[in-house]
Amino acid sequence: MASREPLTPRRKPQQARSRELVRAIAMACERILAEEGAEALTTNRIAEVAGVNIGSLYRYFPNKEAVIAEVYELQLQDLAAQYEDAWEAAQGGPGPRSLGDAVCAHIAGNAAMHQRLLRIDETFYRAYQRDFDLGERHSERFDRTFLEQAERWLRDQLELHRDEVVVDDLDMAAFIVARSVAGALRSAARDQPSRLADPAFMDALERMALLYLEGSA
C-alpha cells in the first residue's frame, strides 16, 4: 500500500512570493508530465523548467512525489470551484429534462473528473487516489462534503421528477445512487481506468441506477 509520507510538503508557503514560487514549480511539473512523460520527471528537471534553483524546490518539497501531489491539489481546487459554480447556477433553474438526463449527467461528470486526474499521471493517481478524493473534501461554499452536495443535487432532481420515481424515500434513494456511482467510478479509476471511456460501462451504471429509481431501465 502506498505511503502518504512522500506527498507531504516540507513547509507551506506563507507569503505571496513563496506561493508564486510553489505554483511555478507545480506548473513546471505538470508541463513535464504532459509533454515529456513521467519517465522524464526528476526534481532537477522540474527546477530547470520552473526556472528556479534546486535548493528553492527542496525548501518546499522533499521529492518529486510531493510536487506531483501539489499539482493534484491545484487541480482539485479548480475542480471544486467548477462544481460549486455549477451547483449555484443550477439552484432555482429548470434542471435536466428527465430523470434519465439527471442520472446521466451525474455519472458523466463524476467520470470526467477521474479521467482528468488520471491524465496527469495515471500511475500516481491510481496509487494515491484516496489522498485526492474530492468527494470527501469539504466545500466551504455549501458547508458539506462534495459527495454530500452531489447527493443533495441528486435529491433535488428526484423531487423535480417525482412522477418518474417509484422509491418513496427520496433521501435514501439519493444516498444509494450517489454513493454507489461514486464507489463504482472510484474503483474503475483505480483498477480498470479504461472502463471510464467505455460507453457500455457508463450505460450499465445508468441502467443500474434507473432500474432502482424507476423500476425499469
Protein backbone atom coordinates (compact mmCIF):
# COMPACT_ATOMS: atom_id res chain seq x y z
CA MET A 1 0.00 0.00 0.00
CA ALA A 2 1.37 3.44 -0.92
CA SER A 3 2.58 5.62 1.93
CA ARG A 4 1.35 9.17 2.44
CA GLU A 5 4.83 10.32 3.52
CA PRO A 6 6.19 11.19 0.04
CA LEU A 7 3.21 13.52 -0.51
CA THR A 8 3.88 15.75 2.48
CA PRO A 9 5.50 19.14 1.68
CA ARG A 10 8.35 20.37 3.83
CA ARG A 11 6.52 23.62 4.52
CA LYS A 12 3.58 25.68 3.35
CA PRO A 13 4.31 28.99 1.61
CA GLN A 14 3.14 31.96 3.66
CA GLN A 15 3.98 34.99 1.55
CA ALA A 16 2.73 35.81 -1.94
CA ARG A 17 6.20 35.45 -3.44
CA SER A 18 6.60 31.99 -1.90
CA ARG A 19 3.17 30.94 -3.12
CA GLU A 20 4.07 32.01 -6.64
CA LEU A 21 7.30 30.02 -6.42
CA VAL A 22 5.44 26.89 -5.33
CA ARG A 23 2.87 27.37 -8.08
CA ALA A 24 5.62 27.78 -10.69
CA ILE A 25 7.20 24.53 -9.52
CA ALA A 26 3.87 22.69 -9.71
CA MET A 27 3.11 24.09 -13.17
CA ALA A 28 6.55 23.01 -14.38
CA CYS A 29 5.88 19.52 -13.07
CA GLU A 30 2.53 19.38 -14.83
CA ARG A 31 4.10 20.59 -18.08
CA ILE A 32 6.80 17.91 -17.96
CA LEU A 33 4.25 15.18 -17.32
CA ALA A 34 2.11 16.38 -20.24
CA GLU A 35 4.91 16.98 -22.74
CA GLU A 36 7.72 14.59 -21.75
CA GLY A 37 6.06 11.88 -19.66
CA ALA A 38 6.54 10.60 -16.13
CA GLU A 39 9.82 8.90 -17.02
CA ALA A 40 11.39 12.33 -17.63
CA LEU A 41 10.26 13.75 -14.29
CA THR A 42 13.02 14.47 -11.79
CA THR A 43 13.41 17.22 -9.23
CA ASN A 44 16.30 18.65 -11.28
CA ARG A 45 14.17 18.73 -14.42
CA ILE A 46 11.29 20.36 -12.55
CA ALA A 47 13.60 23.07 -11.18
CA GLU A 48 15.06 23.63 -14.65
CA VAL A 49 11.67 24.06 -16.34
CA ALA A 50 10.40 26.22 -13.46
CA GLY A 51 13.46 28.45 -13.71
CA VAL A 52 14.41 28.03 -10.05
CA ASN A 53 17.42 26.54 -8.35
CA ILE A 54 17.14 23.07 -6.87
CA GLY A 55 17.59 24.45 -3.35
CA SER A 56 14.41 26.50 -3.74
CA LEU A 57 12.49 23.39 -4.77
CA TYR A 58 13.78 21.36 -1.82
CA ARG A 59 12.88 24.16 0.55
CA TYR A 60 9.25 23.25 -0.03
CA PHE A 61 9.24 19.71 -1.46
CA PRO A 62 11.21 16.67 -0.24
CA ASN A 63 10.87 14.78 -3.54
CA LYS A 64 9.13 14.72 -6.90
CA GLU A 65 6.11 12.85 -5.47
CA ALA A 66 5.36 15.81 -3.23
CA VAL A 67 5.49 18.11 -6.26
CA ILE A 68 3.07 15.88 -8.16
CA ALA A 69 0.80 15.99 -5.11
CA GLU A 70 0.83 19.79 -5.32
CA VAL A 71 -0.21 19.54 -8.98
CA TYR A 72 -3.18 17.46 -7.89
CA GLU A 73 -4.06 19.88 -5.10
CA LEU A 74 -4.24 22.73 -7.62
CA GLN A 75 -6.36 20.60 -9.96
CA LEU A 76 -8.74 19.75 -7.13
CA GLN A 77 -9.09 23.41 -6.22
CA ASP A 78 -10.05 24.16 -9.82
CA LEU A 79 -12.48 21.23 -9.98
CA ALA A 80 -14.03 22.23 -6.66
CA ALA A 81 -14.69 25.76 -7.91
CA GLN A 82 -16.22 24.43 -11.13
CA TYR A 83 -18.58 22.11 -9.27
CA GLU A 84 -19.58 24.82 -6.80
CA ASP A 85 -20.26 27.30 -9.61
CA ALA A 86 -22.38 24.73 -11.47
CA TRP A 87 -24.41 23.84 -8.38
CA GLU A 88 -25.03 27.51 -7.60
CA ALA A 89 -26.11 28.17 -11.18
CA ALA A 90 -28.48 25.18 -11.01
CA GLN A 91 -30.31 26.46 -7.93
CA GLY A 92 -33.76 27.55 -8.99
CA GLY A 93 -33.11 26.54 -12.58
CA PRO A 94 -35.11 24.07 -14.69
CA GLY A 95 -32.54 21.28 -14.40
CA PRO A 96 -32.30 18.23 -16.70
CA ARG A 97 -35.39 17.43 -18.76
CA SER A 98 -35.80 13.94 -17.35
CA LEU A 99 -34.61 11.77 -14.52
CA GLY A 100 -32.53 9.80 -17.00
CA ASP A 101 -30.79 13.00 -18.11
CA ALA A 102 -30.07 13.89 -14.47
CA VAL A 103 -28.59 10.47 -13.68
CA CYS A 104 -26.55 10.52 -16.89
CA ALA A 105 -25.18 13.99 -16.08
CA HIS A 106 -24.27 12.89 -12.56
CA ILE A 107 -22.39 9.81 -13.80
CA ALA A 108 -20.69 11.59 -16.71
CA GLY A 109 -19.48 14.46 -14.54
CA ASN A 110 -18.02 12.10 -11.97
CA ALA A 111 -16.29 10.00 -14.63
CA ALA A 112 -14.88 13.10 -16.34
CA MET A 113 -13.30 14.19 -13.05
CA HIS A 114 -11.45 10.88 -12.70
CA GLN A 115 -10.36 10.96 -16.34
CA ARG A 116 -8.95 14.45 -15.91
CA LEU A 117 -6.95 13.41 -12.86
CA LEU A 118 -5.74 10.20 -14.49
CA ARG A 119 -4.39 12.12 -17.47
CA ILE A 120 -1.92 13.99 -15.27
CA ASP A 121 -0.10 10.87 -14.07
CA GLU A 122 -2.09 7.65 -14.20
CA THR A 123 0.30 5.57 -12.11
CA PHE A 124 0.49 8.20 -9.38
CA TYR A 125 -3.26 8.81 -9.27
CA ARG A 126 -4.09 5.13 -9.09
CA ALA A 127 -1.61 4.66 -6.23
CA TYR A 128 -2.67 7.72 -4.20
CA GLN A 129 -6.29 8.13 -5.27
CA ARG A 130 -7.57 8.14 -1.70
CA ASP A 131 -5.48 11.23 -0.94
CA PHE A 132 -7.13 13.13 -3.80
CA ASP A 133 -10.77 12.13 -3.36
CA LEU A 134 -12.68 15.36 -3.98
CA GLY A 135 -15.89 13.78 -2.76
CA GLU A 136 -14.52 13.51 0.77
CA ARG A 137 -13.33 17.12 0.88
CA HIS A 138 -15.33 19.92 2.44
CA SER A 139 -16.97 22.63 0.37
CA GLU A 140 -16.82 25.93 2.22
CA ARG A 141 -19.49 27.36 -0.04
CA PHE A 142 -22.05 24.66 0.75
CA ASP A 143 -20.73 23.63 4.18
CA ARG A 144 -20.72 19.91 3.40
CA THR A 145 -18.51 17.46 1.55
CA PHE A 146 -18.61 17.47 -2.23
CA LEU A 147 -20.14 13.99 -2.22
CA GLU A 148 -22.85 15.18 0.16
CA GLN A 149 -23.53 18.16 -2.10
CA ALA A 150 -23.71 15.91 -5.16
CA GLU A 151 -26.18 13.78 -3.21
CA ARG A 152 -28.20 16.91 -2.36
CA TRP A 153 -28.29 17.92 -6.03
CA LEU A 154 -29.45 14.43 -6.97
CA ARG A 155 -32.12 14.57 -4.26
CA ASP A 156 -33.42 17.79 -5.79
CA GLN A 157 -33.59 16.13 -9.20
CA LEU A 158 -35.56 13.22 -7.76
CA GLU A 159 -38.05 15.70 -6.32
CA LEU A 160 -38.35 17.54 -9.64
CA HIS A 161 -39.04 14.25 -11.44
CA ARG A 162 -41.06 12.69 -8.63
CA ASP A 163 -43.57 11.20 -11.05
CA GLU A 164 -40.81 9.03 -12.57
CA VAL A 165 -39.54 7.65 -9.23
CA VAL A 166 -41.01 4.52 -7.63
CA VAL A 167 -38.92 4.79 -4.43
CA ASP A 168 -40.80 6.54 -1.62
CA ASP A 169 -37.79 7.66 0.44
CA LEU A 170 -36.01 10.18 -1.79
CA ASP A 171 -33.27 10.87 0.76
CA MET A 172 -32.37 7.20 0.83
CA ALA A 173 -32.59 6.95 -2.96
CA ALA A 174 -30.24 9.89 -3.47
CA PHE A 175 -27.82 8.43 -0.93
CA ILE A 176 -27.79 4.99 -2.57
CA VAL A 177 -27.37 6.28 -6.11
CA ALA A 178 -24.76 8.91 -5.28
CA ARG A 179 -22.65 6.55 -3.16
CA SER A 180 -22.91 3.54 -5.46
CA VAL A 181 -21.96 5.60 -8.52
CA ALA A 182 -19.07 7.25 -6.68
CA GLY A 183 -17.80 3.87 -5.48
CA ALA A 184 -18.04 2.21 -8.88
CA LEU A 185 -16.25 5.04 -10.67
CA ARG A 186 -13.60 5.30 -7.96
CA SER A 187 -12.90 1.58 -8.28
CA ALA A 188 -12.79 1.81 -12.07
CA ALA A 189 -10.32 4.70 -11.93
CA ARG A 190 -8.07 2.75 -9.57
CA ASP A 191 -8.32 -0.76 -11.03
CA GLN A 192 -9.61 -0.54 -14.62
CA PRO A 193 -9.27 3.05 -15.91
CA SER A 194 -10.27 2.11 -19.46
CA ARG A 195 -13.80 1.49 -18.16
CA LEU A 196 -14.28 5.25 -17.78
CA ALA A 197 -14.19 5.67 -21.56
CA ASP A 198 -16.29 2.58 -22.26
CA PRO A 199 -19.86 3.52 -23.31
CA ALA A 200 -21.10 0.07 -22.27
CA PHE A 201 -19.80 0.57 -18.73
CA MET A 202 -21.31 4.02 -18.44
CA ASP A 203 -24.61 2.78 -19.84
CA ALA A 204 -24.63 -0.10 -17.34
CA LEU A 205 -24.19 2.32 -14.44
CA GLU A 206 -27.03 4.47 -15.71
CA ARG A 207 -29.32 1.48 -16.20
CA MET A 208 -28.48 0.18 -12.72
CA ALA A 209 -29.48 3.50 -11.15
CA LEU A 210 -32.64 3.88 -13.22
CA LEU A 211 -33.73 0.31 -12.60
CA TYR A 212 -33.69 1.10 -8.88
CA LEU A 213 -35.28 4.55 -9.21
CA GLU A 214 -37.88 3.89 -11.89
CA GLY A 215 -38.42 0.17 -11.61
CA SER A 216 -37.32 -0.24 -15.25
CA ALA A 217 -34.40 0.83 -17.48
